[in-house]
Amino acid sequence: MATTVHEPPRIDEQRNRTPPVTGSGNGGGHALPPLSGELRRVKDSAPPPSSTGIWVVLASITMTFAAFTSALIVRQGDGKDWHHLTLPGILYLNTVVLLASSVALEVARRKVDAFMRGPRNGAAPALWLNITLGFGLLFVVGQYVAWVQLRAQGLFLATNPNSSFFYVLTAIHALHVSGGLGGLVRVIYKLRNATLRKSTLVATSRYWHFMDALWIYLLVLLWMKL
């Protein structure tokens, strides 16, 4: 009876074969082949999740306020019950406070960055972060004072379309500012525990500066349309 002799695989074919996936000793795990040089470079150059996520958040907020702006313009042109609304004067003071908070945060970002790069012998430079936090809280309190002043004029949420848009837009913005305050508290906590990452501070700064620019846009919109 004739027997068939199989030719052994070539050396170059053995090199091109994909190594088999083997189970780990822990049961259920798989050993992955090491990353190639190109994959390592892609992984190292990829932006951190906080940097990517903040742009998604800002895009979502932008779309939300764009929808409210469209609704305001359409409602103004559609109804005859649109009456002029005098904005509370404290709104302008609140704007100055929010601008000051952005300046303080930028100073804090640079000082924290220098602290993280240099020797960490002294105390963490959390002073300017606390100043930013204080300005942010003062802004939220000022917005509440504006609502109180508006109610003193007999203008409530359901009084007319003007007051409705004023309360809704300023309240939603104040809610987002409160989220930024939570982010600042998180940054201060991580800085004091030496676990703060630069990407976290940068993402928080971008969010806060965006809230500043968004408020200026809203103030101009309310002043022109209400």
N, C-alpha and C. Protein backbone atom coordinates (compact mmCIF):
# COMPACT_ATOMS: atom_id res chain seq x y z
N MET A 1 0.85 -1.20 0.00
CA MET A 1 0.00 0.00 0.00
C MET A 1 0.89 1.25 0.00
N ALA A 2 0.52 2.21 -0.89
CA ALA A 2 1.34 3.43 -1.00
C ALA A 2 1.00 4.39 0.13
N THR A 3 2.00 5.01 0.64
CA THR A 3 1.82 6.02 1.70
C THR A 3 2.15 7.39 1.15
N THR A 4 1.39 8.38 1.67
CA THR A 4 1.59 9.77 1.23
C THR A 4 2.43 10.51 2.25
N VAL A 5 3.49 11.08 1.78
CA VAL A 5 4.37 11.84 2.67
C VAL A 5 4.09 13.32 2.47
N HIS A 6 3.64 14.00 3.52
CA HIS A 6 3.34 15.43 3.45
C HIS A 6 4.61 16.25 3.59
N GLU A 7 4.72 17.23 2.73
CA GLU A 7 5.89 18.11 2.79
C GLU A 7 5.78 19.03 4.00
N PRO A 8 6.82 19.11 4.79
CA PRO A 8 6.75 20.00 5.99
C PRO A 8 6.58 21.44 5.58
N PRO A 9 5.86 22.22 6.38
CA PRO A 9 5.63 23.63 6.03
C PRO A 9 6.94 24.39 5.97
N ARG A 10 6.96 25.36 5.08
CA ARG A 10 8.14 26.19 4.94
C ARG A 10 8.30 27.12 6.14
N ILE A 11 9.54 27.56 6.27
CA ILE A 11 9.83 28.42 7.42
C ILE A 11 9.13 29.75 7.30
N ASP A 12 9.06 30.31 6.04
CA ASP A 12 8.41 31.60 5.87
C ASP A 12 6.92 31.51 6.09
N GLU A 13 6.31 30.34 5.78
CA GLU A 13 4.89 30.17 6.05
C GLU A 13 4.62 30.11 7.55
N GLN A 14 5.53 29.44 8.28
CA GLN A 14 5.35 29.38 9.73
C GLN A 14 5.43 30.77 10.37
N ARG A 15 6.31 31.63 9.80
CA ARG A 15 6.43 32.97 10.35
C ARG A 15 5.20 33.81 10.09
N ASN A 16 4.54 33.60 8.93
CA ASN A 16 3.37 34.41 8.57
C ASN A 16 2.10 33.94 9.24
N ARG A 17 2.14 32.74 9.84
CA ARG A 17 0.93 32.25 10.49
C ARG A 17 0.60 33.09 11.73
N THR A 18 -0.70 33.24 11.97
CA THR A 18 -1.15 33.94 13.19
C THR A 18 -1.02 33.00 14.36
N PRO A 19 -0.39 33.41 15.43
CA PRO A 19 -0.24 32.51 16.58
C PRO A 19 -1.59 32.16 17.16
N PRO A 20 -1.77 30.94 17.57
CA PRO A 20 -3.08 30.51 18.09
C PRO A 20 -3.41 31.22 19.38
N VAL A 21 -4.70 31.43 19.59
CA VAL A 21 -5.18 32.06 20.82
C VAL A 21 -5.31 31.00 21.88
N THR A 22 -4.66 31.18 22.96
CA THR A 22 -4.65 30.18 24.03
C THR A 22 -5.37 30.73 25.24
N GLY A 23 -6.00 29.90 25.97
CA GLY A 23 -6.69 30.31 27.18
C GLY A 23 -5.72 30.53 28.31
N SER A 24 -6.05 31.45 29.17
CA SER A 24 -5.20 31.71 30.33
C SER A 24 -5.48 30.72 31.43
N GLY A 25 -4.61 30.69 32.38
CA GLY A 25 -4.79 29.75 33.48
C GLY A 25 -5.96 30.10 34.36
N ASN A 26 -6.47 31.34 34.25
CA ASN A 26 -7.59 31.75 35.10
C ASN A 26 -8.92 31.32 34.55
N GLY A 27 -8.94 30.79 33.33
CA GLY A 27 -10.20 30.32 32.77
C GLY A 27 -10.99 31.43 32.15
N GLY A 28 -11.12 31.45 30.82
CA GLY A 28 -11.94 32.46 30.16
C GLY A 28 -11.14 33.58 29.56
N GLY A 29 -9.90 33.87 30.01
CA GLY A 29 -9.11 34.95 29.46
C GLY A 29 -8.38 34.50 28.22
N HIS A 30 -7.95 35.42 27.40
CA HIS A 30 -7.23 35.12 26.18
C HIS A 30 -5.95 35.94 26.15
N ALA A 31 -4.88 35.28 25.69
CA ALA A 31 -3.61 35.97 25.56
C ALA A 31 -3.58 36.68 24.22
N LEU A 32 -3.35 37.97 24.22
CA LEU A 32 -3.33 38.76 23.00
C LEU A 32 -1.90 38.95 22.54
N PRO A 33 -1.68 38.97 21.23
CA PRO A 33 -0.32 39.23 20.74
C PRO A 33 0.10 40.64 21.06
N PRO A 34 1.39 40.88 21.21
CA PRO A 34 1.86 42.23 21.55
C PRO A 34 1.55 43.20 20.43
N LEU A 35 1.38 44.45 20.80
CA LEU A 35 1.10 45.48 19.81
C LEU A 35 2.32 45.74 18.95
N SER A 36 2.08 46.01 17.69
CA SER A 36 3.17 46.38 16.81
C SER A 36 3.58 47.82 17.09
N GLY A 37 4.66 48.25 16.48
CA GLY A 37 5.13 49.61 16.70
C GLY A 37 4.15 50.65 16.25
N GLU A 38 3.47 50.40 15.11
CA GLU A 38 2.51 51.37 14.60
C GLU A 38 1.31 51.49 15.52
N LEU A 39 0.82 50.35 16.06
CA LEU A 39 -0.33 50.40 16.96
C LEU A 39 0.02 51.12 18.25
N ARG A 40 1.26 50.94 18.70
CA ARG A 40 1.67 51.66 19.91
C ARG A 40 1.67 53.16 19.68
N ARG A 41 2.15 53.58 18.51
CA ARG A 41 2.17 55.01 18.21
C ARG A 41 0.77 55.58 18.14
N VAL A 42 -0.17 54.83 17.56
CA VAL A 42 -1.56 55.28 17.48
C VAL A 42 -2.16 55.39 18.88
N LYS A 43 -1.87 54.42 19.72
CA LYS A 43 -2.41 54.43 21.08
C LYS A 43 -1.84 55.60 21.88
N ASP A 44 -0.53 55.86 21.73
CA ASP A 44 0.09 56.95 22.48
C ASP A 44 -0.40 58.31 22.02
N SER A 45 -0.72 58.45 20.72
CA SER A 45 -1.14 59.74 20.20
C SER A 45 -2.64 59.98 20.32
N ALA A 46 -3.40 58.98 20.76
CA ALA A 46 -4.84 59.14 20.89
C ALA A 46 -5.16 60.10 22.03
N PRO A 47 -6.16 60.98 21.85
CA PRO A 47 -6.51 61.92 22.92
C PRO A 47 -7.13 61.19 24.10
N PRO A 48 -6.96 61.71 25.31
CA PRO A 48 -7.56 61.07 26.48
C PRO A 48 -9.07 61.13 26.41
N PRO A 49 -9.78 60.21 27.07
CA PRO A 49 -11.25 60.20 27.02
C PRO A 49 -11.88 61.50 27.48
N SER A 50 -11.28 62.16 28.48
CA SER A 50 -11.87 63.41 28.97
C SER A 50 -11.82 64.50 27.91
N SER A 51 -10.75 64.50 27.10
CA SER A 51 -10.63 65.51 26.05
C SER A 51 -11.65 65.28 24.95
N THR A 52 -11.90 64.03 24.62
CA THR A 52 -12.88 63.72 23.58
C THR A 52 -14.30 63.94 24.10
N GLY A 53 -14.54 63.50 25.32
CA GLY A 53 -15.89 63.59 25.87
C GLY A 53 -16.37 65.01 26.06
N ILE A 54 -15.45 65.93 26.40
CA ILE A 54 -15.89 67.31 26.65
C ILE A 54 -16.41 67.95 25.39
N TRP A 55 -15.83 67.61 24.22
CA TRP A 55 -16.32 68.18 22.97
C TRP A 55 -17.71 67.65 22.64
N VAL A 56 -17.98 66.41 22.99
CA VAL A 56 -19.32 65.84 22.79
C VAL A 56 -20.33 66.57 23.67
N VAL A 57 -19.94 66.82 24.92
CA VAL A 57 -20.83 67.53 25.84
C VAL A 57 -21.11 68.95 25.35
N LEU A 58 -20.06 69.65 24.93
CA LEU A 58 -20.24 71.02 24.46
C LEU A 58 -21.08 71.08 23.19
N ALA A 59 -20.92 70.11 22.32
CA ALA A 59 -21.74 70.06 21.11
C ALA A 59 -23.20 69.84 21.45
N SER A 60 -23.46 68.97 22.43
CA SER A 60 -24.84 68.71 22.85
C SER A 60 -25.47 69.96 23.47
N ILE A 61 -24.72 70.69 24.30
CA ILE A 61 -25.23 71.92 24.91
C ILE A 61 -25.51 72.97 23.84
N THR A 62 -24.61 73.07 22.87
CA THR A 62 -24.80 74.04 21.78
C THR A 62 -26.07 73.76 21.01
N MET A 63 -26.33 72.50 20.71
CA MET A 63 -27.55 72.14 19.98
C MET A 63 -28.79 72.46 20.81
N THR A 64 -28.70 72.25 22.13
CA THR A 64 -29.86 72.53 22.99
C THR A 64 -30.21 74.01 22.97
N PHE A 65 -29.22 74.87 23.14
CA PHE A 65 -29.51 76.30 23.17
C PHE A 65 -29.81 76.84 21.78
N ALA A 66 -29.31 76.20 20.74
CA ALA A 66 -29.68 76.60 19.38
C ALA A 66 -31.17 76.32 19.15
N ALA A 67 -31.66 75.20 19.68
CA ALA A 67 -33.08 74.88 19.56
C ALA A 67 -33.93 75.90 20.32
N PHE A 68 -33.49 76.28 21.52
CA PHE A 68 -34.23 77.29 22.28
C PHE A 68 -34.21 78.65 21.57
N THR A 69 -33.10 78.99 20.95
CA THR A 69 -33.02 80.25 20.20
C THR A 69 -34.00 80.26 19.04
N SER A 70 -34.07 79.16 18.32
CA SER A 70 -35.02 79.06 17.21
C SER A 70 -36.46 79.18 17.69
N ALA A 71 -36.74 78.52 18.80
CA ALA A 71 -38.10 78.58 19.36
C ALA A 71 -38.45 80.00 19.79
N LEU A 72 -37.49 80.71 20.38
CA LEU A 72 -37.73 82.09 20.81
C LEU A 72 -38.03 83.00 19.62
N ILE A 73 -37.25 82.86 18.56
CA ILE A 73 -37.44 83.72 17.38
C ILE A 73 -38.78 83.43 16.71
N VAL A 74 -39.11 82.15 16.62
CA VAL A 74 -40.39 81.79 15.99
C VAL A 74 -41.56 82.29 16.83
N ARG A 75 -41.45 82.12 18.17
CA ARG A 75 -42.55 82.54 19.05
C ARG A 75 -42.71 84.06 19.04
N GLN A 76 -41.62 84.79 18.94
CA GLN A 76 -41.70 86.24 18.90
C GLN A 76 -42.41 86.73 17.64
N GLY A 77 -42.12 86.11 16.52
CA GLY A 77 -42.74 86.53 15.27
C GLY A 77 -44.15 86.02 15.08
N ASP A 78 -44.57 85.08 15.91
CA ASP A 78 -45.88 84.46 15.72
C ASP A 78 -46.97 85.07 16.60
N GLY A 79 -46.61 85.57 17.76
CA GLY A 79 -47.64 86.02 18.70
C GLY A 79 -47.70 87.52 18.86
N LYS A 80 -48.91 88.01 19.11
CA LYS A 80 -49.11 89.44 19.37
C LYS A 80 -48.99 89.77 20.85
N ASP A 81 -48.85 88.72 21.67
CA ASP A 81 -48.75 88.93 23.11
C ASP A 81 -47.30 89.05 23.56
N TRP A 82 -46.43 89.41 22.63
CA TRP A 82 -45.01 89.55 22.95
C TRP A 82 -44.76 90.96 23.44
N HIS A 83 -44.46 91.11 24.73
CA HIS A 83 -44.27 92.42 25.34
C HIS A 83 -42.80 92.60 25.73
N HIS A 84 -42.36 93.85 25.71
CA HIS A 84 -40.98 94.13 26.06
C HIS A 84 -40.73 93.85 27.53
N LEU A 85 -39.57 93.26 27.80
CA LEU A 85 -39.19 92.89 29.16
C LEU A 85 -37.91 93.63 29.54
N THR A 86 -37.96 94.31 30.67
CA THR A 86 -36.77 95.00 31.17
C THR A 86 -35.93 94.03 31.98
N LEU A 87 -34.72 93.79 31.52
CA LEU A 87 -33.85 92.82 32.20
C LEU A 87 -33.40 93.37 33.55
N PRO A 88 -33.34 92.52 34.58
CA PRO A 88 -32.82 92.97 35.87
C PRO A 88 -31.37 93.45 35.75
N GLY A 89 -31.07 94.55 36.39
CA GLY A 89 -29.74 95.13 36.27
C GLY A 89 -28.63 94.26 36.82
N ILE A 90 -28.96 93.34 37.74
CA ILE A 90 -27.93 92.51 38.33
C ILE A 90 -27.32 91.54 37.33
N LEU A 91 -28.00 91.31 36.21
CA LEU A 91 -27.47 90.42 35.19
C LEU A 91 -26.12 90.91 34.66
N TYR A 92 -25.96 92.21 34.57
CA TYR A 92 -24.70 92.76 34.07
C TYR A 92 -23.57 92.57 35.09
N LEU A 93 -23.92 92.70 36.37
CA LEU A 93 -22.94 92.41 37.41
C LEU A 93 -22.57 90.93 37.41
N ASN A 94 -23.55 90.08 37.19
CA ASN A 94 -23.29 88.64 37.11
C ASN A 94 -22.34 88.33 35.95
N THR A 95 -22.47 89.06 34.86
CA THR A 95 -21.59 88.85 33.72
C THR A 95 -20.15 89.17 34.08
N VAL A 96 -19.96 90.26 34.79
CA VAL A 96 -18.60 90.63 35.22
C VAL A 96 -18.04 89.55 36.14
N VAL A 97 -18.86 89.03 37.03
CA VAL A 97 -18.41 87.99 37.96
C VAL A 97 -18.00 86.74 37.20
N LEU A 98 -18.78 86.35 36.20
CA LEU A 98 -18.46 85.15 35.43
C LEU A 98 -17.19 85.34 34.60
N LEU A 99 -17.01 86.53 34.04
CA LEU A 99 -15.78 86.82 33.31
C LEU A 99 -14.57 86.74 34.24
N ALA A 100 -14.73 87.27 35.45
CA ALA A 100 -13.64 87.21 36.43
C ALA A 100 -13.32 85.77 36.81
N SER A 101 -14.33 84.92 36.84
CA SER A 101 -14.08 83.51 37.16
C SER A 101 -13.26 82.83 36.08
N SER A 102 -13.50 83.18 34.82
CA SER A 102 -12.72 82.60 33.73
C SER A 102 -11.26 83.06 33.80
N VAL A 103 -11.05 84.33 34.13
CA VAL A 103 -9.69 84.83 34.29
C VAL A 103 -8.98 84.10 35.43
N ALA A 104 -9.68 83.93 36.55
CA ALA A 104 -9.09 83.23 37.70
C ALA A 104 -8.78 81.77 37.35
N LEU A 105 -9.65 81.14 36.59
CA LEU A 105 -9.42 79.75 36.22
C LEU A 105 -8.22 79.61 35.29
N GLU A 106 -8.05 80.57 34.39
CA GLU A 106 -6.89 80.51 33.50
C GLU A 106 -5.59 80.69 34.28
N VAL A 107 -5.60 81.60 35.26
CA VAL A 107 -4.43 81.75 36.12
C VAL A 107 -4.18 80.46 36.90
N ALA A 108 -5.25 79.85 37.41
CA ALA A 108 -5.12 78.61 38.16
C ALA A 108 -4.57 77.49 37.28
N ARG A 109 -5.04 77.41 36.06
CA ARG A 109 -4.57 76.36 35.15
C ARG A 109 -3.08 76.46 34.92
N ARG A 110 -2.58 77.65 34.71
CA ARG A 110 -1.14 77.82 34.47
C ARG A 110 -0.32 77.53 35.72
N LYS A 111 -0.82 77.95 36.87
CA LYS A 111 -0.08 77.69 38.11
C LYS A 111 -0.08 76.20 38.45
N VAL A 112 -1.20 75.55 38.22
CA VAL A 112 -1.27 74.10 38.49
C VAL A 112 -0.37 73.36 37.52
N ASP A 113 -0.35 73.78 36.27
CA ASP A 113 0.51 73.14 35.28
C ASP A 113 1.98 73.28 35.66
N ALA A 114 2.38 74.46 36.11
CA ALA A 114 3.76 74.66 36.56
C ALA A 114 4.06 73.84 37.81
N PHE A 115 3.08 73.71 38.69
CA PHE A 115 3.26 72.92 39.91
C PHE A 115 3.44 71.45 39.58
N MET A 116 2.67 70.94 38.61
CA MET A 116 2.75 69.53 38.25
C MET A 116 4.04 69.21 37.50
N ARG A 117 4.60 70.19 36.81
CA ARG A 117 5.85 69.98 36.08
C ARG A 117 7.08 70.08 36.97
N GLY A 118 7.00 70.92 37.99
CA GLY A 118 8.16 71.15 38.85
C GLY A 118 8.12 70.28 40.09
N PRO A 119 9.07 70.52 41.00
CA PRO A 119 9.08 69.77 42.27
C PRO A 119 7.89 70.11 43.14
N ARG A 120 7.26 69.10 43.70
CA ARG A 120 6.05 69.31 44.50
C ARG A 120 6.41 69.35 45.98
N ASN A 121 7.21 70.32 46.32
CA ASN A 121 7.63 70.44 47.71
C ASN A 121 6.67 71.29 48.53
N GLY A 122 6.12 72.34 47.90
CA GLY A 122 5.23 73.23 48.62
C GLY A 122 3.79 72.77 48.56
N ALA A 123 2.92 73.63 49.03
CA ALA A 123 1.50 73.32 49.01
C ALA A 123 0.96 73.43 47.59
N ALA A 124 -0.04 72.66 47.28
CA ALA A 124 -0.65 72.68 45.95
C ALA A 124 -1.30 74.04 45.71
N PRO A 125 -1.15 74.61 44.52
CA PRO A 125 -1.69 75.96 44.24
C PRO A 125 -3.18 75.92 43.95
N ALA A 126 -3.96 75.60 44.97
CA ALA A 126 -5.40 75.51 44.81
C ALA A 126 -6.11 76.83 45.07
N LEU A 127 -5.36 77.89 45.40
CA LEU A 127 -5.99 79.16 45.75
C LEU A 127 -6.83 79.70 44.62
N TRP A 128 -6.28 79.74 43.40
CA TRP A 128 -7.00 80.32 42.28
C TRP A 128 -8.16 79.43 41.85
N LEU A 129 -8.05 78.15 42.07
CA LEU A 129 -9.20 77.27 41.81
C LEU A 129 -10.33 77.57 42.79
N ASN A 130 -9.98 77.82 44.03
CA ASN A 130 -11.01 78.18 45.02
C ASN A 130 -11.62 79.54 44.70
N ILE A 131 -10.82 80.47 44.18
CA ILE A 131 -11.36 81.76 43.77
C ILE A 131 -12.35 81.59 42.62
N THR A 132 -11.97 80.74 41.66
CA THR A 132 -12.89 80.46 40.55
C THR A 132 -14.19 79.85 41.06
N LEU A 133 -14.07 78.93 41.98
CA LEU A 133 -15.26 78.29 42.56
C LEU A 133 -16.13 79.33 43.27
N GLY A 134 -15.50 80.24 44.00
CA GLY A 134 -16.26 81.29 44.70
C GLY A 134 -16.99 82.20 43.74
N PHE A 135 -16.32 82.60 42.65
CA PHE A 135 -16.97 83.44 41.65
C PHE A 135 -18.15 82.70 41.00
N GLY A 136 -17.98 81.41 40.75
CA GLY A 136 -19.07 80.63 40.16
C GLY A 136 -20.28 80.56 41.07
N LEU A 137 -20.04 80.34 42.35
CA LEU A 137 -21.15 80.31 43.30
C LEU A 137 -21.83 81.67 43.38
N LEU A 138 -21.03 82.73 43.34
CA LEU A 138 -21.60 84.08 43.38
C LEU A 138 -22.45 84.35 42.15
N PHE A 139 -22.05 83.82 41.01
CA PHE A 139 -22.85 83.99 39.80
C PHE A 139 -24.21 83.31 39.94
N VAL A 140 -24.22 82.08 40.44
CA VAL A 140 -25.48 81.35 40.60
C VAL A 140 -26.39 82.09 41.58
N VAL A 141 -25.82 82.59 42.67
CA VAL A 141 -26.62 83.37 43.63
C VAL A 141 -27.16 84.63 42.96
N GLY A 142 -26.34 85.28 42.15
CA GLY A 142 -26.80 86.47 41.44
C GLY A 142 -27.94 86.19 40.48
N GLN A 143 -27.91 85.02 39.85
CA GLN A 143 -29.02 84.65 38.97
C GLN A 143 -30.31 84.47 39.76
N TYR A 144 -30.20 83.90 40.94
CA TYR A 144 -31.39 83.76 41.79
C TYR A 144 -31.93 85.13 42.18
N VAL A 145 -31.04 86.07 42.48
CA VAL A 145 -31.47 87.43 42.81
C VAL A 145 -32.20 88.05 41.63
N ALA A 146 -31.73 87.78 40.41
CA ALA A 146 -32.41 88.30 39.22
C ALA A 146 -33.82 87.74 39.10
N TRP A 147 -33.99 86.46 39.42
CA TRP A 147 -35.34 85.89 39.39
C TRP A 147 -36.24 86.52 40.45
N VAL A 148 -35.66 86.79 41.61
CA VAL A 148 -36.45 87.44 42.67
C VAL A 148 -36.87 88.84 42.23
N GLN A 149 -35.97 89.57 41.60
CA GLN A 149 -36.31 90.91 41.12
C GLN A 149 -37.38 90.86 40.04
N LEU A 150 -37.33 89.84 39.21
CA LEU A 150 -38.35 89.72 38.16
C LEU A 150 -39.71 89.38 38.76
N ARG A 151 -39.72 88.53 39.78
CA ARG A 151 -40.98 88.21 40.45
C ARG A 151 -41.54 89.42 41.17
N ALA A 152 -40.66 90.30 41.66
CA ALA A 152 -41.12 91.52 42.33
C ALA A 152 -41.85 92.44 41.36
N GLN A 153 -41.57 92.31 40.05
CA GLN A 153 -42.26 93.09 39.04
C GLN A 153 -43.58 92.43 38.60
N GLY A 154 -43.90 91.29 39.22
CA GLY A 154 -45.12 90.58 38.85
C GLY A 154 -44.96 89.70 37.63
N LEU A 155 -43.72 89.37 37.28
CA LEU A 155 -43.44 88.53 36.11
C LEU A 155 -42.98 87.16 36.59
N PHE A 156 -43.80 86.15 36.30
CA PHE A 156 -43.50 84.78 36.70
C PHE A 156 -43.30 83.93 35.45
N LEU A 157 -43.11 82.64 35.66
CA LEU A 157 -42.81 81.74 34.55
C LEU A 157 -43.92 81.73 33.51
N ALA A 158 -45.18 81.76 33.97
CA ALA A 158 -46.31 81.66 33.04
C ALA A 158 -47.00 82.99 32.79
N THR A 159 -46.36 84.10 33.16
CA THR A 159 -47.02 85.39 32.98
C THR A 159 -47.18 85.73 31.51
N ASN A 160 -46.11 85.64 30.74
CA ASN A 160 -46.16 85.89 29.31
C ASN A 160 -45.00 85.13 28.65
N PRO A 161 -44.97 85.03 27.33
CA PRO A 161 -43.89 84.29 26.66
C PRO A 161 -42.51 84.86 26.97
N ASN A 162 -42.40 86.17 27.13
CA ASN A 162 -41.10 86.77 27.41
C ASN A 162 -40.51 86.25 28.72
N SER A 163 -41.31 86.33 29.77
CA SER A 163 -40.82 85.87 31.07
C SER A 163 -40.56 84.37 31.07
N SER A 164 -41.35 83.62 30.31
CA SER A 164 -41.14 82.18 30.24
C SER A 164 -39.78 81.86 29.65
N PHE A 165 -39.44 82.51 28.55
CA PHE A 165 -38.13 82.27 27.93
C PHE A 165 -37.00 82.74 28.84
N PHE A 166 -37.22 83.83 29.55
CA PHE A 166 -36.18 84.33 30.44
C PHE A 166 -35.87 83.31 31.54
N TYR A 167 -36.91 82.82 32.20
CA TYR A 167 -36.70 81.87 33.28
C TYR A 167 -36.09 80.57 32.76
N VAL A 168 -36.58 80.07 31.64
CA VAL A 168 -36.10 78.79 31.12
C VAL A 168 -34.63 78.88 30.70
N LEU A 169 -34.29 79.91 29.92
CA LEU A 169 -32.92 80.02 29.42
C LEU A 169 -31.91 80.26 30.55
N THR A 170 -32.24 81.17 31.46
CA THR A 170 -31.30 81.46 32.54
C THR A 170 -31.21 80.29 33.53
N ALA A 171 -32.31 79.59 33.75
CA ALA A 171 -32.29 78.46 34.68
C ALA A 171 -31.47 77.30 34.10
N ILE A 172 -31.64 77.01 32.82
CA ILE A 172 -30.87 75.92 32.21
C ILE A 172 -29.38 76.26 32.20
N HIS A 173 -29.06 77.52 31.92
CA HIS A 173 -27.65 77.90 31.94
C HIS A 173 -27.08 77.80 33.36
N ALA A 174 -27.84 78.25 34.35
CA ALA A 174 -27.37 78.15 35.74
C ALA A 174 -27.19 76.69 36.14
N LEU A 175 -28.04 75.81 35.62
CA LEU A 175 -27.91 74.38 35.92
C LEU A 175 -26.60 73.83 35.34
N HIS A 176 -26.27 74.26 34.14
CA HIS A 176 -25.01 73.81 33.54
C HIS A 176 -23.80 74.41 34.27
N VAL A 177 -23.94 75.64 34.73
CA VAL A 177 -22.87 76.24 35.53
C VAL A 177 -22.67 75.45 36.82
N SER A 178 -23.76 75.00 37.41
CA SER A 178 -23.65 74.18 38.62
C SER A 178 -22.89 72.89 38.34
N GLY A 179 -23.10 72.32 37.14
CA GLY A 179 -22.31 71.15 36.76
C GLY A 179 -20.83 71.48 36.66
N GLY A 180 -20.53 72.68 36.16
CA GLY A 180 -19.13 73.12 36.12
C GLY A 180 -18.54 73.30 37.51
N LEU A 181 -19.37 73.76 38.45
CA LEU A 181 -18.91 73.90 39.83
C LEU A 181 -18.54 72.53 40.41
N GLY A 182 -19.35 71.53 40.08
CA GLY A 182 -19.03 70.17 40.51
C GLY A 182 -17.70 69.70 39.92
N GLY A 183 -17.46 70.07 38.66
CA GLY A 183 -16.18 69.72 38.05
C GLY A 183 -15.01 70.40 38.72
N LEU A 184 -15.18 71.65 39.13
CA LEU A 184 -14.12 72.37 39.84
C LEU A 184 -13.83 71.74 41.21
N VAL A 185 -14.89 71.34 41.90
CA VAL A 185 -14.69 70.67 43.19
C VAL A 185 -13.90 69.38 43.00
N ARG A 186 -14.21 68.66 41.94
CA ARG A 186 -13.48 67.41 41.64
C ARG A 186 -12.01 67.68 41.34
N VAL A 187 -11.74 68.75 40.59
CA VAL A 187 -10.36 69.11 40.28
C VAL A 187 -9.60 69.47 41.55
N ILE A 188 -10.21 70.27 42.41
CA ILE A 188 -9.56 70.66 43.66
C ILE A 188 -9.27 69.44 44.53
N TYR A 189 -10.22 68.53 44.59
CA TYR A 189 -10.04 67.31 45.39
C TYR A 189 -8.88 66.47 44.86
N LYS A 190 -8.84 66.29 43.54
CA LYS A 190 -7.77 65.49 42.95
C LYS A 190 -6.41 66.18 43.10
N LEU A 191 -6.40 67.50 43.02
CA LEU A 191 -5.14 68.22 43.18
C LEU A 191 -4.59 68.04 44.59
N ARG A 192 -5.44 68.11 45.57
CA ARG A 192 -4.99 67.96 46.96
C ARG A 192 -4.52 66.55 47.26
N ASN A 193 -5.05 65.57 46.51
CA ASN A 193 -4.65 64.17 46.71
C ASN A 193 -3.60 63.71 45.72
N ALA A 194 -3.05 64.68 44.95
CA ALA A 194 -1.97 64.39 43.98
C ALA A 194 -2.39 63.34 42.96
N THR A 195 -3.66 63.34 42.56
CA THR A 195 -4.14 62.41 41.53
C THR A 195 -4.73 63.14 40.32
N LEU A 196 -4.49 64.43 40.24
CA LEU A 196 -5.06 65.22 39.16
C LEU A 196 -4.26 65.00 37.87
N ARG A 197 -4.99 64.77 36.78
CA ARG A 197 -4.38 64.68 35.46
C ARG A 197 -4.56 65.99 34.71
N LYS A 198 -3.61 66.28 33.87
CA LYS A 198 -3.67 67.52 33.11
C LYS A 198 -4.90 67.55 32.20
N SER A 199 -5.25 66.40 31.62
CA SER A 199 -6.41 66.34 30.72
C SER A 199 -7.70 66.67 31.45
N THR A 200 -7.79 66.29 32.72
CA THR A 200 -8.99 66.61 33.51
C THR A 200 -9.11 68.11 33.74
N LEU A 201 -7.99 68.75 34.05
CA LEU A 201 -8.00 70.19 34.26
C LEU A 201 -8.32 70.93 32.97
N VAL A 202 -7.75 70.48 31.85
CA VAL A 202 -8.01 71.13 30.57
C VAL A 202 -9.48 70.98 30.18
N ALA A 203 -10.05 69.80 30.36
CA ALA A 203 -11.45 69.59 30.02
C ALA A 203 -12.37 70.45 30.88
N THR A 204 -12.07 70.56 32.17
CA THR A 204 -12.87 71.41 33.05
C THR A 204 -12.76 72.87 32.66
N SER A 205 -11.57 73.30 32.28
CA SER A 205 -11.38 74.70 31.86
C SER A 205 -12.15 74.99 30.59
N ARG A 206 -12.13 74.08 29.64
CA ARG A 206 -12.87 74.29 28.40
C ARG A 206 -14.37 74.41 28.66
N TYR A 207 -14.86 73.55 29.53
CA TYR A 207 -16.29 73.60 29.87
C TYR A 207 -16.64 74.93 30.52
N TRP A 208 -15.80 75.39 31.45
CA TRP A 208 -16.11 76.62 32.17
C TRP A 208 -16.05 77.83 31.24
N HIS A 209 -15.04 77.90 30.40
CA HIS A 209 -14.94 79.02 29.46
C HIS A 209 -16.11 79.00 28.47
N PHE A 210 -16.56 77.82 28.12
CA PHE A 210 -17.72 77.72 27.23
C PHE A 210 -18.97 78.26 27.91
N MET A 211 -19.14 77.97 29.21
CA MET A 211 -20.28 78.52 29.94
C MET A 211 -20.22 80.04 29.98
N ASP A 212 -19.03 80.58 30.06
CA ASP A 212 -18.84 82.03 30.05
C ASP A 212 -19.30 82.61 28.71
N ALA A 213 -18.79 82.04 27.61
CA ALA A 213 -19.15 82.53 26.28
C ALA A 213 -20.65 82.34 26.01
N LEU A 214 -21.19 81.23 26.49
CA LEU A 214 -22.61 80.97 26.29
C LEU A 214 -23.48 81.99 27.02
N TRP A 215 -23.06 82.39 28.21
CA TRP A 215 -23.84 83.38 28.94
C TRP A 215 -23.83 84.73 28.24
N ILE A 216 -22.70 85.13 27.70
CA ILE A 216 -22.65 86.40 26.97
C ILE A 216 -23.59 86.35 25.77
N TYR A 217 -23.60 85.21 25.09
CA TYR A 217 -24.54 85.05 23.96
C TYR A 217 -25.98 85.15 24.43
N LEU A 218 -26.30 84.50 25.55
CA LEU A 218 -27.68 84.54 26.06
C LEU A 218 -28.06 85.94 26.49
N LEU A 219 -27.14 86.66 27.12
CA LEU A 219 -27.45 88.01 27.58
C LEU A 219 -27.77 88.92 26.39
N VAL A 220 -26.97 88.81 25.33
CA VAL A 220 -27.24 89.61 24.13
C VAL A 220 -28.57 89.21 23.51
N LEU A 221 -28.83 87.91 23.48
CA LEU A 221 -30.09 87.42 22.90
C LEU A 221 -31.30 87.94 23.69
N LEU A 222 -31.23 87.85 25.02
CA LEU A 222 -32.33 88.32 25.85
C LEU A 222 -32.51 89.83 25.73
N TRP A 223 -31.41 90.55 25.65
CA TRP A 223 -31.49 91.99 25.55
C TRP A 223 -32.11 92.43 24.21
N MET A 224 -31.81 91.70 23.14
CA MET A 224 -32.32 92.06 21.82
C MET A 224 -33.75 91.59 21.60
N LYS A 225 -34.10 90.41 22.11
CA LYS A 225 -35.39 89.79 21.77
C LYS A 225 -36.44 89.97 22.84
N LEU A 226 -36.05 90.11 24.09
CA LEU A 226 -37.06 90.23 25.14
C LEU A 226 -37.36 91.69 25.45
